[in-house]
Amino acid sequence: MTWHSPIRVATDASMYAMPESAIGLFCDVGGSYFLSHIHKSDPSVGLYLGITGARVKGKDLVKWGIATHYVPSSKLPELTNSIATNVKPQSTNEEILAIVNKHADLTAADAIIPDYD
């Protein structure tokens, strides 16, 4: 899947939404493209979000493939400091990925998606 970044971090305060689709408008800023590519194994996820304008939050962003990592907000300062200290212009995506993995909850994709109101 092509996104703007190969590493996308979500927190408990993160939310992804295309609210314009809930009122019958087309998604902007490439949203239609992203929605059709959200979940590799289940294209209905993007269709659902595009039709309903539903909001996806926290760990569900990882479960649905919108984010690649979940880091609790309380750990963001540690992650930020680790990135600032260890990432150099010549750092590879794999090196950056290893840093993010150290601070991420790698079980987030296994969480059960709750029903939203």
PDB file of N, CA and C in Angstrom:
ATOM      1  N   MET A   1       0.839  -1.168   0.000  1.00  0.00           N
ATOM      2  CA  MET A   1       0.000   0.000   0.000  1.00  0.00           C
ATOM      3  C   MET A   1       0.889   1.236   0.000  1.00  0.00           C
ATOM      4  N   THR A   2       0.523   2.214  -0.757  1.00  0.00           N
ATOM      5  CA  THR A   2       1.283   3.450  -0.831  1.00  0.00           C
ATOM      6  C   THR A   2       0.615   4.518   0.024  1.00  0.00           C
ATOM      7  N   TRP A   3       1.354   5.031   0.974  1.00  0.00           N
ATOM      8  CA  TRP A   3       0.901   6.130   1.811  1.00  0.00           C
ATOM      9  C   TRP A   3       2.003   7.174   1.794  1.00  0.00           C
ATOM     10  N   HIS A   4       1.801   8.229   2.495  1.00  0.00           N
ATOM     11  CA  HIS A   4       2.802   9.277   2.554  1.00  0.00           C
ATOM     12  C   HIS A   4       4.019   8.860   3.362  1.00  0.00           C
ATOM     13  N   SER A   5       3.872   7.870   4.218  1.00  0.00           N
ATOM     14  CA  SER A   5       4.973   7.434   5.061  1.00  0.00           C
ATOM     15  C   SER A   5       4.872   5.932   5.312  1.00  0.00           C
ATOM     16  N   PRO A   6       6.000   5.232   5.303  1.00  0.00           N
ATOM     17  CA  PRO A   6       5.958   3.799   5.578  1.00  0.00           C
ATOM     18  C   PRO A   6       5.758   3.491   7.060  1.00  0.00           C
ATOM     19  N   ILE A   7       5.944   4.478   7.923  1.00  0.00           N
ATOM     20  CA  ILE A   7       5.749   4.308   9.362  1.00  0.00           C
ATOM     21  C   ILE A   7       4.739   5.357   9.803  1.00  0.00           C
ATOM     22  N   ARG A   8       3.584   4.881  10.312  1.00  0.00           N
ATOM     23  CA  ARG A   8       2.506   5.772  10.728  1.00  0.00           C
ATOM     24  C   ARG A   8       2.116   5.406  12.150  1.00  0.00           C
ATOM     25  N   VAL A   9       2.327   6.329  13.080  1.00  0.00           N
ATOM     26  CA  VAL A   9       2.107   6.074  14.507  1.00  0.00           C
ATOM     27  C   VAL A   9       0.768   6.661  14.949  1.00  0.00           C
ATOM     28  N   ALA A  10      -0.006   5.828  15.642  1.00  0.00           N
ATOM     29  CA  ALA A  10      -1.266   6.270  16.249  1.00  0.00           C
ATOM     30  C   ALA A  10      -1.118   6.207  17.761  1.00  0.00           C
ATOM     31  N   THR A  11      -1.896   7.029  18.448  1.00  0.00           N
ATOM     32  CA  THR A  11      -1.925   7.025  19.913  1.00  0.00           C
ATOM     33  C   THR A  11      -3.368   6.859  20.365  1.00  0.00           C
ATOM     34  N   ASP A  12      -3.570   6.840  21.663  1.00  0.00           N
ATOM     35  CA  ASP A  12      -4.928   6.762  22.192  1.00  0.00           C
ATOM     36  C   ASP A  12      -5.720   8.027  21.877  1.00  0.00           C
ATOM     37  N   ALA A  13      -5.047   9.094  21.485  1.00  0.00           N
ATOM     38  CA  ALA A  13      -5.723  10.343  21.135  1.00  0.00           C
ATOM     39  C   ALA A  13      -5.913  10.511  19.621  1.00  0.00           C
ATOM     40  N   SER A  14      -5.439   9.554  18.824  1.00  0.00           N
ATOM     41  CA  SER A  14      -5.524   9.661  17.367  1.00  0.00           C
ATOM     42  C   SER A  14      -6.911   9.291  16.856  1.00  0.00           C
ATOM     43  N   MET A  15      -7.293   9.967  15.763  1.00  0.00           N
ATOM     44  CA  MET A  15      -8.551   9.652  15.105  1.00  0.00           C
ATOM     45  C   MET A  15      -8.379   9.857  13.606  1.00  0.00           C
ATOM     46  N   TYR A  16      -8.933   8.936  12.834  1.00  0.00           N
ATOM     47  CA  TYR A  16      -8.921   9.048  11.380  1.00  0.00           C
ATOM     48  C   TYR A  16     -10.373   9.123  10.939  1.00  0.00           C
ATOM     49  N   ALA A  17     -10.685  10.105  10.112  1.00  0.00           N
ATOM     50  CA  ALA A  17     -12.053  10.240   9.632  1.00  0.00           C
ATOM     51  C   ALA A  17     -12.064  10.979   8.306  1.00  0.00           C
ATOM     52  N   MET A  18     -13.036  10.679   7.522  1.00  0.00           N
ATOM     53  CA  MET A  18     -13.350  11.408   6.305  1.00  0.00           C
ATOM     54  C   MET A  18     -14.808  11.845   6.455  1.00  0.00           C
ATOM     55  N   PRO A  19     -15.059  12.821   7.350  1.00  0.00           N
ATOM     56  CA  PRO A  19     -16.440  13.181   7.690  1.00  0.00           C
ATOM     57  C   PRO A  19     -17.263  13.705   6.516  1.00  0.00           C
ATOM     58  N   GLU A  20     -16.604  14.214   5.499  1.00  0.00           N
ATOM     59  CA  GLU A  20     -17.352  14.730   4.355  1.00  0.00           C
ATOM     60  C   GLU A  20     -18.126  13.620   3.649  1.00  0.00           C
ATOM     61  N   SER A  21     -17.608  12.381   3.746  1.00  0.00           N
ATOM     62  CA  SER A  21     -18.332  11.281   3.102  1.00  0.00           C
ATOM     63  C   SER A  21     -19.628  10.956   3.837  1.00  0.00           C
ATOM     64  N   ALA A  22     -19.717  11.268   5.117  1.00  0.00           N
ATOM     65  CA  ALA A  22     -20.945  11.018   5.888  1.00  0.00           C
ATOM     66  C   ALA A  22     -22.095  11.911   5.431  1.00  0.00           C
ATOM     67  N   ILE A  23     -21.780  13.032   4.781  1.00  0.00           N
ATOM     68  CA  ILE A  23     -22.842  13.920   4.294  1.00  0.00           C
ATOM     69  C   ILE A  23     -22.954  13.878   2.770  1.00  0.00           C
ATOM     70  N   GLY A  24     -22.356  12.831   2.166  1.00  0.00           N
ATOM     71  CA  GLY A  24     -22.537  12.606   0.741  1.00  0.00           C
ATOM     72  C   GLY A  24     -21.537  13.280  -0.176  1.00  0.00           C
ATOM     73  N   LEU A  25     -20.492  13.852   0.361  1.00  0.00           N
ATOM     74  CA  LEU A  25     -19.480  14.486  -0.472  1.00  0.00           C
ATOM     75  C   LEU A  25     -18.328  13.511  -0.721  1.00  0.00           C
ATOM     76  N   PHE A  26     -17.561  13.744  -1.770  1.00  0.00           N
ATOM     77  CA  PHE A  26     -16.385  12.935  -2.037  1.00  0.00           C
ATOM     78  C   PHE A  26     -15.256  13.326  -1.095  1.00  0.00           C
ATOM     79  N   CYS A  27     -14.438  12.368  -0.749  1.00  0.00           N
ATOM     80  CA  CYS A  27     -13.285  12.625   0.126  1.00  0.00           C
ATOM     81  C   CYS A  27     -12.281  13.501  -0.593  1.00  0.00           C
ATOM     82  N   ASP A  28     -11.606  14.354   0.168  1.00  0.00           N
ATOM     83  CA  ASP A  28     -10.581  15.215  -0.412  1.00  0.00           C
ATOM     84  C   ASP A  28      -9.196  14.683  -0.076  1.00  0.00           C
ATOM     85  N   VAL A  29      -8.188  15.416  -0.405  1.00  0.00           N
ATOM     86  CA  VAL A  29      -6.769  15.133  -0.147  1.00  0.00           C
ATOM     87  C   VAL A  29      -6.375  13.684  -0.395  1.00  0.00           C
ATOM     88  N   GLY A  30      -6.887  13.120  -1.466  1.00  0.00           N
ATOM     89  CA  GLY A  30      -6.526  11.746  -1.817  1.00  0.00           C
ATOM     90  C   GLY A  30      -7.229  10.695  -0.994  1.00  0.00           C
ATOM     91  N   GLY A  31      -8.222  11.092  -0.221  1.00  0.00           N
ATOM     92  CA  GLY A  31      -8.914  10.146   0.648  1.00  0.00           C
ATOM     93  C   GLY A  31      -9.542   8.984  -0.099  1.00  0.00           C
ATOM     94  N   SER A  32     -10.078   9.252  -1.264  1.00  0.00           N
ATOM     95  CA  SER A  32     -10.684   8.166  -2.037  1.00  0.00           C
ATOM     96  C   SER A  32      -9.643   7.110  -2.401  1.00  0.00           C
ATOM     97  N   TYR A  33      -8.458   7.556  -2.745  1.00  0.00           N
ATOM     98  CA  TYR A  33      -7.381   6.608  -3.056  1.00  0.00           C
ATOM     99  C   TYR A  33      -6.996   5.820  -1.810  1.00  0.00           C
ATOM    100  N   PHE A  34      -6.773   6.514  -0.699  1.00  0.00           N
ATOM    101  CA  PHE A  34      -6.358   5.834   0.525  1.00  0.00           C
ATOM    102  C   PHE A  34      -7.427   4.860   1.014  1.00  0.00           C
ATOM    103  N   LEU A  35      -8.688   5.281   0.963  1.00  0.00           N
ATOM    104  CA  LEU A  35      -9.758   4.413   1.442  1.00  0.00           C
ATOM    105  C   LEU A  35      -9.810   3.104   0.657  1.00  0.00           C
ATOM    106  N   SER A  36      -9.535   3.174  -0.624  1.00  0.00           N
ATOM    107  CA  SER A  36      -9.588   1.952  -1.433  1.00  0.00           C
ATOM    108  C   SER A  36      -8.367   1.061  -1.226  1.00  0.00           C
ATOM    109  N   HIS A  37      -7.379   1.541  -0.500  1.00  0.00           N
ATOM    110  CA  HIS A  37      -6.160   0.767  -0.268  1.00  0.00           C
ATOM    111  C   HIS A  37      -5.867   0.527   1.214  1.00  0.00           C
ATOM    112  N   ILE A  38      -6.815   0.812   2.091  1.00  0.00           N
ATOM    113  CA  ILE A  38      -6.565   0.731   3.527  1.00  0.00           C
ATOM    114  C   ILE A  38      -6.137  -0.656   3.972  1.00  0.00           C
ATOM    115  N   HIS A  39      -6.933  -1.650   3.710  1.00  0.00           N
ATOM    116  CA  HIS A  39      -6.667  -2.975   4.259  1.00  0.00           C
ATOM    117  C   HIS A  39      -6.431  -3.945   3.114  1.00  0.00           C
ATOM    118  N   LYS A  40      -5.212  -4.456   3.024  1.00  0.00           N
ATOM    119  CA  LYS A  40      -4.825  -5.332   1.912  1.00  0.00           C
ATOM    120  C   LYS A  40      -5.743  -6.541   1.760  1.00  0.00           C
ATOM    121  N   SER A  41      -6.105  -7.167   2.869  1.00  0.00           N
ATOM    122  CA  SER A  41      -6.866  -8.410   2.785  1.00  0.00           C
ATOM    123  C   SER A  41      -8.379  -8.195   2.781  1.00  0.00           C
ATOM    124  N   ASP A  42      -8.841  -6.993   3.085  1.00  0.00           N
ATOM    125  CA  ASP A  42     -10.274  -6.752   3.153  1.00  0.00           C
ATOM    126  C   ASP A  42     -10.617  -5.354   2.637  1.00  0.00           C
ATOM    127  N   PRO A  43     -10.879  -5.230   1.335  1.00  0.00           N
ATOM    128  CA  PRO A  43     -11.176  -3.904   0.770  1.00  0.00           C
ATOM    129  C   PRO A  43     -12.476  -3.301   1.289  1.00  0.00           C
ATOM    130  N   SER A  44     -13.306  -4.093   1.966  1.00  0.00           N
ATOM    131  CA  SER A  44     -14.558  -3.552   2.478  1.00  0.00           C
ATOM    132  C   SER A  44     -14.338  -2.551   3.609  1.00  0.00           C
ATOM    133  N   VAL A  45     -13.180  -2.568   4.250  1.00  0.00           N
ATOM    134  CA  VAL A  45     -12.879  -1.611   5.330  1.00  0.00           C
ATOM    135  C   VAL A  45     -12.931  -0.186   4.788  1.00  0.00           C
ATOM    136  N   GLY A  46     -12.230   0.072   3.697  1.00  0.00           N
ATOM    137  CA  GLY A  46     -12.245   1.401   3.093  1.00  0.00           C
ATOM    138  C   GLY A  46     -13.613   1.775   2.569  1.00  0.00           C
ATOM    139  N   LEU A  47     -14.306   0.800   2.007  1.00  0.00           N
ATOM    140  CA  LEU A  47     -15.660   1.040   1.516  1.00  0.00           C
ATOM    141  C   LEU A  47     -16.572   1.451   2.671  1.00  0.00           C
ATOM    142  N   TYR A  48     -16.481   0.734   3.778  1.00  0.00           N
ATOM    143  CA  TYR A  48     -17.272   1.060   4.963  1.00  0.00           C
ATOM    144  C   TYR A  48     -16.979   2.482   5.444  1.00  0.00           C
ATOM    145  N   LEU A  49     -15.704   2.825   5.555  1.00  0.00           N
ATOM    146  CA  LEU A  49     -15.339   4.164   6.028  1.00  0.00           C
ATOM    147  C   LEU A  49     -15.793   5.240   5.050  1.00  0.00           C
ATOM    148  N   GLY A  50     -15.662   4.948   3.758  1.00  0.00           N
ATOM    149  CA  GLY A  50     -16.058   5.920   2.746  1.00  0.00           C
ATOM    150  C   GLY A  50     -17.552   6.156   2.691  1.00  0.00           C
ATOM    151  N   ILE A  51     -18.328   5.118   2.921  1.00  0.00           N
ATOM    152  CA  ILE A  51     -19.784   5.253   2.862  1.00  0.00           C
ATOM    153  C   ILE A  51     -20.348   5.871   4.138  1.00  0.00           C
ATOM    154  N   THR A  52     -19.816   5.465   5.273  1.00  0.00           N
ATOM    155  CA  THR A  52     -20.399   5.891   6.548  1.00  0.00           C
ATOM    156  C   THR A  52     -19.771   7.138   7.140  1.00  0.00           C
ATOM    157  N   GLY A  53     -18.532   7.435   6.782  1.00  0.00           N
ATOM    158  CA  GLY A  53     -17.834   8.544   7.427  1.00  0.00           C
ATOM    159  C   GLY A  53     -17.460   8.209   8.855  1.00  0.00           C
ATOM    160  N   ALA A  54     -17.419   6.903   9.186  1.00  0.00           N
ATOM    161  CA  ALA A  54     -17.096   6.471  10.550  1.00  0.00           C
ATOM    162  C   ALA A  54     -15.710   6.956  10.951  1.00  0.00           C
ATOM    163  N   ARG A  55     -15.535   7.133  12.233  1.00  0.00           N
ATOM    164  CA  ARG A  55     -14.244   7.552  12.786  1.00  0.00           C
ATOM    165  C   ARG A  55     -13.554   6.333  13.374  1.00  0.00           C
ATOM    166  N   VAL A  56     -12.260   6.217  13.105  1.00  0.00           N
ATOM    167  CA  VAL A  56     -11.462   5.109  13.628  1.00  0.00           C
ATOM    168  C   VAL A  56     -10.465   5.699  14.609  1.00  0.00           C
ATOM    169  N   LYS A  57     -10.360   5.073  15.782  1.00  0.00           N
ATOM    170  CA  LYS A  57      -9.555   5.643  16.859  1.00  0.00           C
ATOM    171  C   LYS A  57      -8.529   4.651  17.388  1.00  0.00           C
ATOM    172  N   GLY A  58      -7.469   5.189  17.998  1.00  0.00           N
ATOM    173  CA  GLY A  58      -6.489   4.426  18.767  1.00  0.00           C
ATOM    174  C   GLY A  58      -5.959   3.176  18.108  1.00  0.00           C
ATOM    175  N   LYS A  59      -6.035   2.062  18.840  1.00  0.00           N
ATOM    176  CA  LYS A  59      -5.496   0.789  18.355  1.00  0.00           C
ATOM    177  C   LYS A  59      -6.188   0.310  17.088  1.00  0.00           C
ATOM    178  N   ASP A  60      -7.429   0.712  16.894  1.00  0.00           N
ATOM    179  CA  ASP A  60      -8.159   0.293  15.696  1.00  0.00           C
ATOM    180  C   ASP A  60      -7.492   0.810  14.421  1.00  0.00           C
ATOM    181  N   LEU A  61      -6.778   1.914  14.519  1.00  0.00           N
ATOM    182  CA  LEU A  61      -6.055   2.439  13.361  1.00  0.00           C
ATOM    183  C   LEU A  61      -5.017   1.436  12.878  1.00  0.00           C
ATOM    184  N   VAL A  62      -4.409   0.717  13.808  1.00  0.00           N
ATOM    185  CA  VAL A  62      -3.434  -0.318  13.442  1.00  0.00           C
ATOM    186  C   VAL A  62      -4.169  -1.561  12.948  1.00  0.00           C
ATOM    187  N   LYS A  63      -5.216  -1.944  13.631  1.00  0.00           N
ATOM    188  CA  LYS A  63      -5.997  -3.122  13.266  1.00  0.00           C
ATOM    189  C   LYS A  63      -6.507  -3.006  11.835  1.00  0.00           C
ATOM    190  N   TRP A  64      -6.931  -1.816  11.440  1.00  0.00           N
ATOM    191  CA  TRP A  64      -7.499  -1.615  10.115  1.00  0.00           C
ATOM    192  C   TRP A  64      -6.455  -1.227   9.078  1.00  0.00           C
ATOM    193  N   GLY A  65      -5.200  -1.106   9.471  1.00  0.00           N
ATOM    194  CA  GLY A  65      -4.127  -0.830   8.520  1.00  0.00           C
ATOM    195  C   GLY A  65      -3.909   0.630   8.189  1.00  0.00           C
ATOM    196  N   ILE A  66      -4.537   1.526   8.916  1.00  0.00           N
ATOM    197  CA  ILE A  66      -4.361   2.956   8.661  1.00  0.00           C
ATOM    198  C   ILE A  66      -3.050   3.430   9.273  1.00  0.00           C
ATOM    199  N   ALA A  67      -2.749   2.956  10.462  1.00  0.00           N
ATOM    200  CA  ALA A  67      -1.465   3.236  11.122  1.00  0.00           C
ATOM    201  C   ALA A  67      -0.654   1.930  11.141  1.00  0.00           C
ATOM    202  N   THR A  68       0.640   2.064  11.270  1.00  0.00           N
ATOM    203  CA  THR A  68       1.492   0.870  11.355  1.00  0.00           C
ATOM    204  C   THR A  68       1.855   0.529  12.785  1.00  0.00           C
ATOM    205  N   HIS A  69       1.768   1.516  13.692  1.00  0.00           N
ATOM    206  CA  HIS A  69       2.162   1.314  15.084  1.00  0.00           C
ATOM    207  C   HIS A  69       1.229   2.066  16.019  1.00  0.00           C
ATOM    208  N   TYR A  70       1.060   1.495  17.215  1.00  0.00           N
ATOM    209  CA  TYR A  70       0.307   2.159  18.267  1.00  0.00           C
ATOM    210  C   TYR A  70       1.261   2.433  19.422  1.00  0.00           C
ATOM    211  N   VAL A  71       1.343   3.696  19.819  1.00  0.00           N
ATOM    212  CA  VAL A  71       2.175   4.099  20.953  1.00  0.00           C
ATOM    213  C   VAL A  71       1.270   4.886  21.900  1.00  0.00           C
ATOM    214  N   PRO A  72       1.119   4.435  23.148  1.00  0.00           N
ATOM    215  CA  PRO A  72       0.303   5.204  24.090  1.00  0.00           C
ATOM    216  C   PRO A  72       0.844   6.633  24.230  1.00  0.00           C
ATOM    217  N   SER A  73      -0.052   7.577  24.383  1.00  0.00           N
ATOM    218  CA  SER A  73       0.354   8.986  24.498  1.00  0.00           C
ATOM    219  C   SER A  73       1.400   9.199  25.581  1.00  0.00           C
ATOM    220  N   SER A  74       1.308   8.433  26.656  1.00  0.00           N
ATOM    221  CA  SER A  74       2.263   8.588  27.755  1.00  0.00           C
ATOM    222  C   SER A  74       3.691   8.226  27.346  1.00  0.00           C
ATOM    223  N   LYS A  75       3.840   7.436  26.269  1.00  0.00           N
ATOM    224  CA  LYS A  75       5.171   7.033  25.808  1.00  0.00           C
ATOM    225  C   LYS A  75       5.691   7.886  24.656  1.00  0.00           C
ATOM    226  N   LEU A  76       4.890   8.833  24.180  1.00  0.00           N
ATOM    227  CA  LEU A  76       5.328   9.679  23.071  1.00  0.00           C
ATOM    228  C   LEU A  76       6.594  10.479  23.372  1.00  0.00           C
ATOM    229  N   PRO A  77       6.745  11.056  24.577  1.00  0.00           N
ATOM    230  CA  PRO A  77       7.995  11.777  24.841  1.00  0.00           C
ATOM    231  C   PRO A  77       9.234  10.877  24.719  1.00  0.00           C
ATOM    232  N   GLU A  78       9.123   9.635  25.175  1.00  0.00           N
ATOM    233  CA  GLU A  78      10.243   8.696  25.049  1.00  0.00           C
ATOM    234  C   GLU A  78      10.540   8.406  23.581  1.00  0.00           C
ATOM    235  N   LEU A  79       9.486   8.162  22.798  1.00  0.00           N
ATOM    236  CA  LEU A  79       9.662   7.890  21.371  1.00  0.00           C
ATOM    237  C   LEU A  79      10.276   9.092  20.665  1.00  0.00           C
ATOM    238  N   THR A  80       9.750  10.267  20.949  1.00  0.00           N
ATOM    239  CA  THR A  80      10.272  11.492  20.334  1.00  0.00           C
ATOM    240  C   THR A  80      11.743  11.695  20.670  1.00  0.00           C
ATOM    241  N   ASN A  81      12.094  11.512  21.919  1.00  0.00           N
ATOM    242  CA  ASN A  81      13.484  11.661  22.344  1.00  0.00           C
ATOM    243  C   ASN A  81      14.376  10.617  21.667  1.00  0.00           C
ATOM    244  N   SER A  82      13.908   9.401  21.586  1.00  0.00           N
ATOM    245  CA  SER A  82      14.687   8.335  20.960  1.00  0.00           C
ATOM    246  C   SER A  82      14.912   8.617  19.478  1.00  0.00           C
ATOM    247  N   ILE A  83      13.887   9.111  18.805  1.00  0.00           N
ATOM    248  CA  ILE A  83      14.030   9.456  17.383  1.00  0.00           C
ATOM    249  C   ILE A  83      14.991  10.624  17.220  1.00  0.00           C
ATOM    250  N   ALA A  84      14.821  11.664  18.042  1.00  0.00           N
ATOM    251  CA  ALA A  84      15.696  12.839  17.945  1.00  0.00           C
ATOM    252  C   ALA A  84      17.152  12.485  18.218  1.00  0.00           C
ATOM    253  N   THR A  85      17.386  11.556  19.116  1.00  0.00           N
ATOM    254  CA  THR A  85      18.740  11.176  19.497  1.00  0.00           C
ATOM    255  C   THR A  85      19.396  10.230  18.495  1.00  0.00           C
ATOM    256  N   ASN A  86      18.602   9.305  17.945  1.00  0.00           N
ATOM    257  CA  ASN A  86      19.183   8.210  17.162  1.00  0.00           C
ATOM    258  C   ASN A  86      19.012   8.284  15.656  1.00  0.00           C
ATOM    259  N   VAL A  87      18.067   9.068  15.166  1.00  0.00           N
ATOM    260  CA  VAL A  87      17.837   9.114  13.725  1.00  0.00           C
ATOM    261  C   VAL A  87      18.717  10.186  13.098  1.00  0.00           C
ATOM    262  N   LYS A  88      19.465   9.772  12.114  1.00  0.00           N
ATOM    263  CA  LYS A  88      20.369  10.657  11.371  1.00  0.00           C
ATOM    264  C   LYS A  88      19.908  10.724   9.915  1.00  0.00           C
ATOM    265  N   PRO A  89      20.393  11.673   9.146  1.00  0.00           N
ATOM    266  CA  PRO A  89      19.982  11.751   7.737  1.00  0.00           C
ATOM    267  C   PRO A  89      20.233  10.455   6.955  1.00  0.00           C
ATOM    268  N   GLN A  90      21.230   9.703   7.340  1.00  0.00           N
ATOM    269  CA  GLN A  90      21.547   8.462   6.627  1.00  0.00           C
ATOM    270  C   GLN A  90      20.817   7.242   7.205  1.00  0.00           C
ATOM    271  N   SER A  91      19.974   7.435   8.217  1.00  0.00           N
ATOM    272  CA  SER A  91      19.239   6.316   8.815  1.00  0.00           C
ATOM    273  C   SER A  91      18.293   5.698   7.794  1.00  0.00           C
ATOM    274  N   THR A  92      18.205   4.380   7.831  1.00  0.00           N
ATOM    275  CA  THR A  92      17.313   3.664   6.923  1.00  0.00           C
ATOM    276  C   THR A  92      15.939   3.508   7.570  1.00  0.00           C
ATOM    277  N   ASN A  93      14.957   3.171   6.744  1.00  0.00           N
ATOM    278  CA  ASN A  93      13.618   2.915   7.279  1.00  0.00           C
ATOM    279  C   ASN A  93      13.654   1.788   8.300  1.00  0.00           C
ATOM    280  N   GLU A  94      14.484   0.780   8.067  1.00  0.00           N
ATOM    281  CA  GLU A  94      14.582  -0.349   8.991  1.00  0.00           C
ATOM    282  C   GLU A  94      15.115   0.091  10.354  1.00  0.00           C
ATOM    283  N   GLU A  95      16.080   0.987  10.361  1.00  0.00           N
ATOM    284  CA  GLU A  95      16.621   1.496  11.624  1.00  0.00           C
ATOM    285  C   GLU A  95      15.573   2.319  12.380  1.00  0.00           C
ATOM    286  N   ILE A  96      14.844   3.137  11.647  1.00  0.00           N
ATOM    287  CA  ILE A  96      13.796   3.940  12.267  1.00  0.00           C
ATOM    288  C   ILE A  96      12.672   3.031  12.764  1.00  0.00           C
ATOM    289  N   LEU A  97      12.341   2.031  11.977  1.00  0.00           N
ATOM    290  CA  LEU A  97      11.328   1.062  12.366  1.00  0.00           C
ATOM    291  C   LEU A  97      11.698   0.358  13.669  1.00  0.00           C
ATOM    292  N   ALA A  98      12.954  -0.006  13.827  1.00  0.00           N
ATOM    293  CA  ALA A  98      13.413  -0.661  15.058  1.00  0.00           C
ATOM    294  C   ALA A  98      13.235   0.261  16.265  1.00  0.00           C
ATOM    295  N   ILE A  99      13.479   1.550  16.093  1.00  0.00           N
ATOM    296  CA  ILE A  99      13.297   2.517  17.183  1.00  0.00           C
ATOM    297  C   ILE A  99      11.825   2.611  17.555  1.00  0.00           C
ATOM    298  N   VAL A 100      10.964   2.730  16.555  1.00  0.00           N
ATOM    299  CA  VAL A 100       9.528   2.840  16.820  1.00  0.00           C
ATOM    300  C   VAL A 100       9.011   1.550  17.467  1.00  0.00           C
ATOM    301  N   ASN A 101       9.473   0.410  16.991  1.00  0.00           N
ATOM    302  CA  ASN A 101       9.038  -0.876  17.552  1.00  0.00           C
ATOM    303  C   ASN A 101       9.346  -0.987  19.042  1.00  0.00           C
ATOM    304  N   LYS A 102      10.456  -0.394  19.479  1.00  0.00           N
ATOM    305  CA  LYS A 102      10.831  -0.464  20.897  1.00  0.00           C
ATOM    306  C   LYS A 102       9.820   0.244  21.794  1.00  0.00           C
ATOM    307  N   HIS A 103       9.112   1.220  21.257  1.00  0.00           N
ATOM    308  CA  HIS A 103       8.180   2.020  22.052  1.00  0.00           C
ATOM    309  C   HIS A 103       6.715   1.682  21.776  1.00  0.00           C
ATOM    310  N   ALA A 104       6.469   0.878  20.753  1.00  0.00           N
ATOM    311  CA  ALA A 104       5.100   0.592  20.331  1.00  0.00           C
ATOM    312  C   ALA A 104       4.512  -0.615  21.048  1.00  0.00           C
ATOM    313  N   ASP A 105       3.206  -0.621  21.121  1.00  0.00           N
ATOM    314  CA  ASP A 105       2.462  -1.788  21.583  1.00  0.00           C
ATOM    315  C   ASP A 105       2.241  -2.660  20.352  1.00  0.00           C
ATOM    316  N   LEU A 106       3.045  -3.700  20.216  1.00  0.00           N
ATOM    317  CA  LEU A 106       3.007  -4.527  19.020  1.00  0.00           C
ATOM    318  C   LEU A 106       1.832  -5.508  19.015  1.00  0.00           C
ATOM    319  N   THR A 107       1.022  -5.489  20.067  1.00  0.00           N
ATOM    320  CA  THR A 107      -0.165  -6.345  20.107  1.00  0.00           C
ATOM    321  C   THR A 107      -1.416  -5.587  19.674  1.00  0.00           C
ATOM    322  N   ALA A 108      -1.284  -4.324  19.302  1.00  0.00           N
ATOM    323  CA  ALA A 108      -2.445  -3.486  18.966  1.00  0.00           C
ATOM    324  C   ALA A 108      -3.268  -4.078  17.825  1.00  0.00           C
ATOM    325  N   ALA A 109      -2.633  -4.682  16.850  1.00  0.00           N
ATOM    326  CA  ALA A 109      -3.362  -5.235  15.710  1.00  0.00           C
ATOM    327  C   ALA A 109      -4.213  -6.437  16.100  1.00  0.00           C
ATOM    328  N   ASP A 110      -3.950  -7.025  17.263  1.00  0.00           N
ATOM    329  CA  ASP A 110      -4.718  -8.179  17.722  1.00  0.00           C
ATOM    330  C   ASP A 110      -5.941  -7.791  18.546  1.00  0.00           C
ATOM    331  N   ALA A 111      -6.074  -6.513  18.869  1.00  0.00           N
ATOM    332  CA  ALA A 111      -7.179  -6.055  19.710  1.00  0.00           C
ATOM    333  C   ALA A 111      -8.507  -6.211  18.970  1.00  0.00           C
ATOM    334  N   ILE A 112      -9.556  -6.461  19.706  1.00  0.00           N
ATOM    335  CA  ILE A 112     -10.893  -6.579  19.127  1.00  0.00           C
ATOM    336  C   ILE A 112     -11.430  -5.170  18.875  1.00  0.00           C
ATOM    337  N   ILE A 113     -11.977  -4.965  17.675  1.00  0.00           N
ATOM    338  CA  ILE A 113     -12.532  -3.660  17.326  1.00  0.00           C
ATOM    339  C   ILE A 113     -13.917  -3.542  17.955  1.00  0.00           C
ATOM    340  N   PRO A 114     -14.109  -2.523  18.816  1.00  0.00           N
ATOM    341  CA  PRO A 114     -15.424  -2.368  19.473  1.00  0.00           C
ATOM    342  C   PRO A 114     -16.445  -1.749  18.522  1.00  0.00           C
ATOM    343  N   ASP A 115     -17.715  -1.881  18.887  1.00  0.00           N
ATOM    344  CA  ASP A 115     -18.756  -1.184  18.148  1.00  0.00           C
ATOM    345  C   ASP A 115     -18.710   0.282  18.543  1.00  0.00           C
ATOM    346  N   TYR A 116     -18.745   1.154  17.558  1.00  0.00           N
ATOM    347  CA  TYR A 116     -18.750   2.590  17.842  1.00  0.00           C
ATOM    348  C   TYR A 116     -20.173   3.111  17.744  1.00  0.00           C
ATOM    349  N   ASP A 117     -20.410   4.158  18.486  1.00  0.00           N
ATOM    350  CA  ASP A 117     -21.722   4.826  18.421  1.00  0.00           C
ATOM    351  C   ASP A 117     -21.746   5.759  17.242  1.00  0.00           C
TER     352      ASP A 117
END
